[in-house]
Amino acid sequence: MATGDLKLYLLENVEGDIVYATTLAPLRLGGLSNPNMGSISLTLPAPREAVINRVLLEMGIVSREYPERMRWRLWFDGIAVSREYRPKSIAELGHDEGYYSKAVFDITPIFDKSRDVHEITVAYEGSNPITVEHVGMLSVYRVPDSRISYAFLSGALALRPGETYRIGVRVSKLEEATQATFRTIISLPGKDSSVEIQVNSVSKRVIEGRMGVEEVLMDDIPVADAYTIQVAHTHGSKPLKISTMIVAVAQRILPDIVFRSVERLEDRVRVRLANSGASKPERVMLLVIVPGEHIERVEVEPLEPGEEREVEVKAPKGKRVTLRVVWVKHGKPYQREVRA
């Protein structure tokens, strides 16, 4: 039977959007051979004009000892958040593997939206080492041309090989929205692990041959009245850890930047870009790429809906290149590529 739990922290229908950022690189602290302090940086892009509703910070910790009242200190962008680790969810991993635990903090009052990169610093004073395995941030913000209905679940859940976890989530339907998205953060204990994720038995993903923390995104889910999520640890030797689940249905008025024409000159490429979407992006960039390196990156003035613009960029003579246009709306990047 699965140990631990996932708790529902947010269930909302808001005029605006959400953005989630996570780090997949663990931070090991304490003991004889590890530092007592370490930092992790996260980029959480949010539009400057947006009004921030809420920002949550989640920390997933693996420890040998039962993780209750651990001596630690936590800072967010240099501001003290916690002096004692009090997890809201704890999963026993068994077989002398210790525990996986999760703490969630509301950092809305200290969140500075003018910063793109945020620093989370942990100081741990224990004799037994711990691993900060997962750090994630969720930002909910108000903008006028988007609406989102979402559920945010966070916790510490452990599935031994052969075990299955099921949970039902309801989020409101939105007009004109035809697809829902599901995002989860899991940690595979070894490359022999195999995990099968299903949503409403119509969308399925299998993850195998990997090790460590993985962010899984499924964006091809038909909109429904409710969503039944099933995670099965079908093969492996140690427990699978589940840290986060987000179910969302969004209605967004977005730009869509397309290539109208591409003309290859001797050492340049002439490109005509057009916005075939319904809103203006906050930023547009055109990149010229050859395998292994970026040759040039050009900032393009954001295009109004229906507007076109011609851009010339450098390109190595006699070499095929990839042209990638990247545009940003509400802090989220979108992109399209062509070969020239």
Protein backbone atom coordinates (compact mmCIF):
# COMPACT_ATOMS: atom_id res chain seq x y z
CA MET A 1 0.00 0.00 0.00
CA ALA A 2 1.26 3.50 -0.86
CA THR A 3 2.64 5.50 2.07
CA GLY A 4 2.32 9.25 2.60
CA ASP A 5 -0.19 11.48 0.86
CA LEU A 6 -0.84 14.34 -1.53
CA LYS A 7 -2.77 17.32 -0.17
CA LEU A 8 -4.96 19.69 -2.17
CA TYR A 9 -3.52 23.16 -1.54
CA LEU A 10 -5.29 25.18 -4.24
CA LEU A 11 -8.51 24.64 -6.21
CA GLU A 12 -9.48 27.81 -8.07
CA ASN A 13 -11.05 29.33 -11.15
CA VAL A 14 -9.33 32.68 -11.75
CA GLU A 15 -9.09 35.37 -14.35
CA GLY A 16 -5.40 35.00 -15.03
CA ASP A 17 -2.89 32.20 -15.30
CA ILE A 18 -0.41 30.07 -13.39
CA VAL A 19 3.26 29.32 -13.91
CA TYR A 20 5.20 26.51 -12.26
CA ALA A 21 8.97 26.15 -12.03
CA THR A 22 11.04 23.36 -10.54
CA THR A 23 14.63 22.22 -10.17
CA LEU A 24 15.56 18.64 -10.94
CA ALA A 25 19.06 18.81 -9.45
CA PRO A 26 19.32 17.52 -5.84
CA LEU A 27 21.15 19.35 -3.07
CA ARG A 28 22.85 17.20 -0.42
CA LEU A 29 23.59 18.76 2.97
CA GLY A 30 24.94 17.76 6.37
CA GLY A 31 26.95 14.80 7.61
CA LEU A 32 30.71 14.52 7.42
CA SER A 33 31.40 15.14 3.74
CA ASN A 34 28.68 17.58 2.66
CA PRO A 35 28.33 21.34 3.16
CA ASN A 36 25.92 22.62 5.80
CA MET A 37 24.52 25.30 3.51
CA GLY A 38 23.52 25.37 -0.14
CA SER A 39 21.45 27.37 -2.63
CA ILE A 40 19.18 26.59 -5.54
CA SER A 41 18.12 29.08 -8.20
CA LEU A 42 14.72 29.00 -9.90
CA THR A 43 13.47 31.07 -12.82
CA LEU A 44 9.78 31.90 -12.43
CA PRO A 45 8.76 34.14 -15.34
CA ALA A 46 5.67 36.24 -14.73
CA PRO A 47 4.56 39.29 -16.73
CA ARG A 48 5.59 42.56 -15.12
CA GLU A 49 2.08 44.01 -15.45
CA ALA A 50 0.43 41.04 -13.72
CA VAL A 51 -1.03 41.21 -10.21
CA ILE A 52 0.33 38.35 -8.12
CA ASN A 53 -2.43 36.46 -6.27
CA ARG A 54 -0.32 33.82 -4.58
CA VAL A 55 3.10 32.15 -4.66
CA LEU A 56 3.76 28.80 -3.00
CA LEU A 57 7.20 27.27 -2.41
CA GLU A 58 7.45 23.48 -1.95
CA MET A 59 10.45 21.57 -0.62
CA GLY A 60 10.82 17.77 -0.88
CA ILE A 61 13.42 16.24 1.47
CA VAL A 62 14.89 12.72 1.72
CA SER A 63 16.28 11.90 5.18
CA ARG A 64 17.43 8.87 7.15
CA GLU A 65 15.86 10.09 10.37
CA TYR A 66 12.16 10.78 10.89
CA PRO A 67 11.86 14.38 9.59
CA GLU A 68 10.25 16.12 12.54
CA ARG A 69 11.54 19.44 13.83
CA MET A 70 14.82 19.17 11.95
CA ARG A 71 17.28 21.94 12.67
CA TRP A 72 17.46 24.00 9.51
CA ARG A 73 17.03 27.53 8.23
CA LEU A 74 15.39 28.54 4.98
CA TRP A 75 15.77 31.82 3.08
CA PHE A 76 13.99 33.01 -0.05
CA ASP A 77 15.88 35.75 -1.90
CA GLY A 78 17.75 36.49 1.33
CA ILE A 79 14.61 36.76 3.48
CA ALA A 80 14.17 34.26 6.33
CA VAL A 81 11.21 31.92 5.81
CA SER A 82 11.64 29.14 8.39
CA ARG A 83 13.92 28.14 11.27
CA GLU A 84 12.48 24.68 11.77
CA TYR A 85 11.48 21.99 9.25
CA ARG A 86 7.91 20.89 9.92
CA PRO A 87 6.72 18.79 6.97
CA LYS A 88 3.02 18.54 6.09
CA SER A 89 3.40 15.12 4.42
CA ILE A 90 5.74 12.19 5.23
CA ALA A 91 6.20 8.92 3.33
CA GLU A 92 8.18 6.01 4.75
CA LEU A 93 10.43 4.58 2.04
CA GLY A 94 11.24 1.33 3.88
CA HIS A 95 14.15 -1.11 3.52
CA ASP A 96 16.47 1.30 5.37
CA GLU A 97 15.82 3.97 2.73
CA GLY A 98 14.54 6.52 5.25
CA TYR A 99 11.75 9.02 4.60
CA TYR A 100 10.51 11.40 1.95
CA SER A 101 8.79 14.51 3.29
CA LYS A 102 7.32 17.74 1.97
CA ALA A 103 6.87 21.24 3.37
CA VAL A 104 4.90 23.97 1.59
CA PHE A 105 5.30 27.69 2.31
CA ASP A 106 3.18 30.66 1.27
CA ILE A 107 5.79 33.23 0.20
CA THR A 108 3.37 35.69 -1.42
CA PRO A 109 4.21 38.61 0.92
CA ILE A 110 7.94 38.43 0.14
CA PHE A 111 7.80 37.54 -3.56
CA ASP A 112 9.38 40.17 -5.83
CA LYS A 113 7.92 39.86 -9.34
CA SER A 114 10.56 42.23 -10.76
CA ARG A 115 13.10 39.42 -10.38
CA ASP A 116 13.23 36.61 -12.94
CA VAL A 117 15.63 34.42 -10.96
CA HIS A 118 14.98 33.57 -7.31
CA GLU A 119 17.38 31.99 -4.83
CA ILE A 120 16.38 29.43 -2.21
CA THR A 121 19.02 28.86 0.50
CA VAL A 122 18.98 26.07 3.07
CA ALA A 123 21.23 25.69 6.13
CA TYR A 124 21.08 22.29 7.85
CA GLU A 125 22.85 21.48 11.09
CA GLY A 126 22.26 17.73 11.46
CA SER A 127 24.84 14.96 11.74
CA ASN A 128 22.93 12.70 9.32
CA PRO A 129 22.85 14.00 5.73
CA ILE A 130 19.65 15.05 3.97
CA THR A 131 18.90 15.52 0.27
CA VAL A 132 16.79 18.44 -0.94
CA GLU A 133 15.42 16.41 -3.82
CA HIS A 134 12.68 18.66 -5.16
CA VAL A 135 12.11 22.41 -5.01
CA GLY A 136 9.14 23.89 -6.84
CA MET A 137 7.33 27.23 -7.03
CA LEU A 138 3.79 27.95 -8.19
CA SER A 139 2.72 31.50 -9.03
CA VAL A 140 -0.91 32.49 -9.58
CA TYR A 141 -1.42 35.88 -11.20
CA ARG A 142 -4.16 38.05 -12.69
CA VAL A 143 -4.09 39.15 -16.32
CA PRO A 144 -7.07 40.32 -18.39
CA ASP A 145 -6.99 37.97 -21.39
CA SER A 146 -6.67 34.55 -19.73
CA ARG A 147 -8.78 32.39 -17.46
CA ILE A 148 -7.68 29.17 -15.78
CA SER A 149 -9.32 26.55 -13.62
CA TYR A 150 -6.77 24.42 -11.79
CA ALA A 151 -5.97 22.12 -8.89
CA PHE A 152 -2.57 22.07 -7.17
CA LEU A 153 -1.67 19.02 -5.09
CA SER A 154 1.60 18.67 -3.21
CA GLY A 155 2.94 16.15 -0.74
CA ALA A 156 5.09 13.07 -0.24
CA LEU A 157 3.91 9.75 -1.64
CA ALA A 158 5.88 6.51 -2.04
CA LEU A 159 4.84 3.62 -4.31
CA ARG A 160 6.65 0.30 -4.05
CA PRO A 161 7.01 -1.81 -7.21
CA GLY A 162 3.64 -3.26 -8.16
CA GLU A 163 1.63 -0.56 -6.33
CA THR A 164 -0.85 1.85 -7.93
CA TYR A 165 -2.13 5.23 -6.72
CA ARG A 166 -5.44 6.72 -7.88
CA ILE A 167 -6.96 10.11 -7.16
CA GLY A 168 -9.93 12.03 -8.54
CA VAL A 169 -9.81 15.78 -9.18
CA ARG A 170 -12.57 18.14 -10.30
CA VAL A 171 -11.86 21.48 -11.95
CA SER A 172 -14.39 23.76 -13.65
CA LYS A 173 -14.94 23.60 -17.38
CA LEU A 174 -14.24 26.75 -19.39
CA GLU A 175 -15.95 27.85 -22.58
CA GLU A 176 -14.01 27.11 -25.76
CA ALA A 177 -11.40 25.09 -23.84
CA THR A 178 -11.10 21.64 -25.40
CA GLN A 179 -7.97 20.28 -23.70
CA ALA A 180 -6.73 19.96 -20.15
CA THR A 181 -3.14 19.60 -18.99
CA PHE A 182 -1.63 17.42 -16.29
CA ARG A 183 1.79 17.96 -14.76
CA THR A 184 3.47 15.78 -12.15
CA ILE A 185 6.85 15.62 -10.43
CA ILE A 186 8.10 12.11 -9.70
CA SER A 187 11.42 10.60 -8.64
CA LEU A 188 12.50 7.30 -10.15
CA PRO A 189 14.82 5.30 -7.84
CA GLY A 190 16.72 3.53 -10.64
CA LYS A 191 16.88 2.88 -14.36
CA ASP A 192 15.14 -0.43 -13.80
CA SER A 193 11.96 1.44 -12.76
CA SER A 194 8.96 1.68 -15.04
CA VAL A 195 6.03 4.00 -14.37
CA GLU A 196 2.70 4.22 -16.17
CA ILE A 197 0.59 7.38 -15.81
CA GLN A 198 -3.02 7.58 -17.02
CA VAL A 199 -5.58 10.37 -16.93
CA ASN A 200 -9.21 9.30 -17.44
CA SER A 201 -7.93 6.14 -19.15
CA VAL A 202 -7.60 8.08 -22.44
CA SER A 203 -4.22 9.77 -22.02
CA LYS A 204 -1.30 7.55 -21.13
CA ARG A 205 2.44 8.01 -20.59
CA VAL A 206 5.11 5.42 -19.76
CA ILE A 207 8.42 6.53 -18.20
CA GLU A 208 11.27 4.02 -18.03
CA GLY A 209 15.04 3.81 -18.32
CA ARG A 210 15.53 7.01 -16.31
CA MET A 211 16.71 7.85 -12.82
CA GLY A 212 16.09 10.78 -10.50
CA VAL A 213 13.53 13.57 -10.49
CA GLU A 214 11.38 13.90 -13.62
CA GLU A 215 8.82 16.51 -14.63
CA VAL A 216 6.07 14.87 -16.71
CA LEU A 217 3.67 17.01 -18.76
CA MET A 218 0.60 15.66 -20.54
CA ASP A 219 -1.26 18.28 -22.60
CA ASP A 220 -3.50 16.13 -24.80
CA ILE A 221 -6.28 15.41 -22.30
CA PRO A 222 -9.89 16.01 -23.41
CA VAL A 223 -11.81 18.36 -21.10
CA ALA A 224 -14.09 16.44 -18.72
CA ASP A 225 -16.23 16.96 -15.63
CA ALA A 226 -13.64 15.15 -13.50
CA TYR A 227 -10.16 13.70 -13.91
CA THR A 228 -9.10 10.33 -12.54
CA ILE A 229 -5.32 10.14 -12.29
CA GLN A 230 -3.62 6.78 -11.96
CA VAL A 231 0.10 6.25 -11.36
CA ALA A 232 1.36 2.66 -11.44
CA HIS A 233 4.90 1.64 -10.44
CA THR A 234 4.94 -1.38 -12.73
CA HIS A 235 8.57 -2.44 -12.32
CA GLY A 236 11.58 -1.62 -10.14
CA SER A 237 13.42 -2.50 -6.96
CA LYS A 238 12.84 0.57 -4.74
CA PRO A 239 9.91 2.95 -4.06
CA LEU A 240 8.85 5.58 -6.56
CA LYS A 241 8.32 9.03 -5.04
CA ILE A 242 5.48 11.34 -6.15
CA SER A 243 5.79 14.99 -5.14
CA THR A 244 3.38 17.23 -7.10
CA MET A 245 0.31 17.10 -9.35
CA ILE A 246 -1.31 19.97 -11.25
CA VAL A 247 -4.49 19.65 -13.30
CA ALA A 248 -5.48 22.72 -15.34
CA VAL A 249 -7.98 23.85 -17.95
CA ALA A 250 -7.07 27.19 -19.51
CA GLN A 251 -8.66 29.63 -21.92
CA ARG A 252 -6.00 31.95 -23.27
CA ILE A 253 -6.01 34.63 -25.95
CA LEU A 254 -2.58 34.06 -27.45
CA PRO A 255 -0.32 35.39 -30.19
CA ASP A 256 0.92 32.96 -32.83
CA ILE A 257 4.08 33.95 -34.67
CA VAL A 258 4.53 32.21 -38.03
CA PHE A 259 7.07 32.29 -40.86
CA ARG A 260 5.42 33.81 -43.94
CA SER A 261 8.56 33.45 -46.04
CA VAL A 262 12.22 32.48 -45.69
CA GLU A 263 14.78 33.59 -48.30
CA ARG A 264 18.39 32.36 -48.11
CA LEU A 265 20.99 34.92 -49.21
CA GLU A 266 24.79 34.39 -49.33
CA ASP A 267 25.62 34.93 -45.66
CA ARG A 268 22.21 36.04 -44.43
CA VAL A 269 18.62 34.89 -44.22
CA ARG A 270 15.67 37.19 -44.89
CA VAL A 271 12.58 36.20 -42.91
CA ARG A 272 9.05 37.58 -42.93
CA LEU A 273 7.29 36.99 -39.61
CA ALA A 274 3.57 37.43 -39.00
CA ASN A 275 1.30 37.30 -35.97
CA SER A 276 -1.64 35.10 -36.91
CA GLY A 277 -2.89 34.98 -33.30
CA ALA A 278 -5.33 37.13 -31.36
CA SER A 279 -3.06 39.14 -29.03
CA LYS A 280 0.29 40.91 -28.92
CA PRO A 281 3.27 39.08 -27.36
CA GLU A 282 5.43 40.67 -24.71
CA ARG A 283 8.64 39.69 -26.48
CA VAL A 284 9.77 38.13 -29.79
CA MET A 285 13.24 36.69 -30.54
CA LEU A 286 14.65 35.15 -33.71
CA LEU A 287 17.52 32.67 -33.29
CA VAL A 288 19.85 31.22 -35.91
CA ILE A 289 21.12 27.78 -34.88
CA VAL A 290 23.61 25.29 -36.29
CA PRO A 291 24.19 21.98 -34.46
CA GLY A 292 25.69 22.68 -31.06
CA GLU A 293 25.65 26.49 -31.10
CA HIS A 294 23.60 29.64 -31.52
CA ILE A 295 24.98 31.84 -34.33
CA GLU A 296 22.81 34.89 -33.80
CA ARG A 297 19.89 36.07 -31.69
CA VAL A 298 17.84 39.08 -32.73
CA GLU A 299 15.18 40.86 -30.70
CA VAL A 300 12.15 41.64 -32.85
CA GLU A 301 9.63 44.36 -32.04
CA PRO A 302 6.46 42.56 -30.81
CA LEU A 303 3.84 42.26 -33.53
CA GLU A 304 0.19 43.23 -33.21
CA PRO A 305 -2.38 40.63 -34.38
CA GLY A 306 -2.30 40.52 -38.19
CA GLU A 307 0.95 42.51 -38.40
CA GLU A 308 3.94 41.31 -40.48
CA ARG A 309 7.61 42.29 -40.28
CA GLU A 310 10.72 41.49 -42.31
CA VAL A 311 13.93 40.60 -40.47
CA GLU A 312 17.43 39.81 -41.76
CA VAL A 313 19.88 37.72 -39.74
CA LYS A 314 23.40 36.44 -40.29
CA ALA A 315 23.89 32.80 -41.31
CA PRO A 316 27.06 30.82 -42.16
CA LYS A 317 27.60 30.71 -45.88
CA GLY A 318 26.95 27.28 -47.39
CA LYS A 319 25.55 25.77 -44.19
CA ARG A 320 22.02 24.70 -43.42
CA VAL A 321 20.65 26.45 -40.33
CA THR A 322 17.61 26.22 -38.10
CA LEU A 323 15.59 29.38 -37.60
CA ARG A 324 13.70 29.46 -34.32
CA VAL A 325 11.25 32.20 -33.43
CA VAL A 326 10.42 32.44 -29.73
CA TRP A 327 7.66 34.60 -28.36
CA VAL A 328 6.55 35.22 -24.78
CA LYS A 329 3.03 35.81 -23.47
CA HIS A 330 2.23 36.17 -19.76
CA GLY A 331 5.78 35.08 -19.01
CA LYS A 332 5.46 31.78 -20.91
CA PRO A 333 7.60 31.00 -23.97
CA TYR A 334 6.27 29.55 -27.23
CA GLN A 335 8.32 28.70 -30.31
CA ARG A 336 8.34 27.55 -33.92
CA GLU A 337 11.21 26.37 -36.16
CA VAL A 338 12.05 26.10 -39.87
CA ARG A 339 15.16 24.96 -41.74
CA ALA A 340 16.94 27.22 -44.24
